[in-house]
Protein backbone atom coordinates (compact mmCIF):
# COMPACT_ATOMS: atom_id res chain seq x y z
CA MET A 1 143.24 56.51 -10.55
CA ASN A 2 139.92 58.32 -10.03
CA ASN A 3 140.05 59.78 -13.55
CA LYS A 4 140.47 56.30 -15.01
CA VAL A 5 137.50 54.95 -13.06
CA ILE A 6 135.30 57.88 -14.07
CA THR A 7 136.34 57.54 -17.70
CA LEU A 8 135.61 53.82 -17.66
CA LEU A 9 132.17 54.32 -16.10
CA LEU A 10 131.33 57.04 -18.60
CA LEU A 11 132.36 54.78 -21.47
CA ILE A 12 130.16 51.96 -20.15
CA VAL A 13 127.15 54.25 -19.79
CA LEU A 14 127.56 55.75 -23.26
CA THR A 15 127.99 52.33 -24.84
CA SER A 16 124.87 50.95 -23.19
CA LEU A 17 122.84 53.99 -24.28
CA SER A 18 123.89 53.52 -27.90
CA TYR A 19 122.27 50.08 -27.93
CA GLY A 20 118.89 51.20 -26.71
CA ARG A 21 117.41 51.21 -23.28
CA GLY A 22 119.05 48.18 -21.75
CA GLY A 23 116.41 45.60 -22.41
CA THR A 24 114.08 46.68 -25.17
CA TYR A 25 113.58 43.92 -27.72
CA CYS A 26 111.24 43.26 -30.63
CA LYS A 27 109.19 40.97 -28.43
CA ASP A 28 108.26 44.04 -26.36
CA PHE A 29 106.21 45.51 -29.23
CA ASN A 30 102.97 44.45 -30.94
CA THR A 31 103.59 45.96 -34.39
CA GLN A 32 106.53 46.93 -36.56
CA ALA A 33 105.29 50.54 -36.65
CA GLU A 34 105.36 50.72 -32.86
CA ALA A 35 108.90 49.32 -32.81
CA GLN A 36 110.00 51.67 -35.61
CA LYS A 37 108.78 54.72 -33.70
CA TYR A 38 110.73 53.61 -30.61
CA PHE A 39 113.77 52.75 -32.76
CA LYS A 40 113.89 56.27 -34.21
CA SER A 41 113.16 58.19 -31.03
CA HIS A 42 115.58 56.23 -28.80
CA ASN A 43 118.31 55.28 -31.31
CA ALA A 44 117.66 51.66 -30.30
CA LYS A 45 120.07 49.93 -32.68
CA ARG A 46 119.38 46.50 -31.19
CA LEU A 47 115.94 46.54 -32.87
CA ASP A 48 117.53 46.61 -36.35
CA ARG A 49 119.86 43.64 -36.42
CA ASP A 50 120.44 43.68 -40.18
CA LYS A 51 121.08 47.45 -40.15
CA ASP A 52 118.68 48.26 -42.98
CA GLY A 53 116.84 50.99 -41.10
CA GLU A 54 113.74 48.88 -40.44
CA ALA A 55 113.20 47.76 -36.86
CA CYS A 56 111.63 44.41 -36.03
CA GLU A 57 110.74 43.28 -39.56
CA CYS A 58 109.07 40.12 -38.24
CA LEU A 59 106.34 41.99 -36.41
CA LYS A 60 102.95 42.68 -38.01
CA GLY A 61 103.47 45.30 -40.71
CA GLY A 62 107.16 44.49 -41.21
CA SER A 63 108.70 43.67 -44.59
CA SER A 64 109.71 40.14 -43.53
CA TYR A 65 106.45 39.23 -41.80
CA ASN A 66 105.69 36.24 -44.07
CA LYS A 67 109.17 34.69 -44.05
CA SER A 68 109.42 31.28 -42.40
CA SER A 69 112.09 32.49 -39.98
CA CYS A 70 109.73 35.22 -38.81
CA LYS A 71 106.87 32.78 -38.42
CA ARG A 72 109.06 30.67 -36.12
CA TRP A 73 110.12 33.78 -34.18
CA ARG A 74 106.50 34.92 -33.73
CA LYS A 75 105.46 31.47 -32.57
CA LYS A 76 108.28 31.39 -30.04
CA HIS A 77 107.33 34.82 -28.66
CA ASN A 78 103.52 34.45 -28.98
CA LYS A 79 103.23 37.22 -31.57
CA ARG A 80 100.59 36.91 -34.29
């Protein structure tokens, strides 16, 4: 029984680590470059939802910055 509990806890911890540091989102950064640096150094997959290797494209400096969906996102999160 103890081995099963330990294995389950280890699996939960490893899974949460693979998705970044439990609560880091694009809204936590001011620029795409800042988010990209964090994305690479922490393997924060949640910051790259379309899995193209570019984190937080809607932030200033990102490839999608001028798209209407990004403009709405920035307005919602008070990012300019």
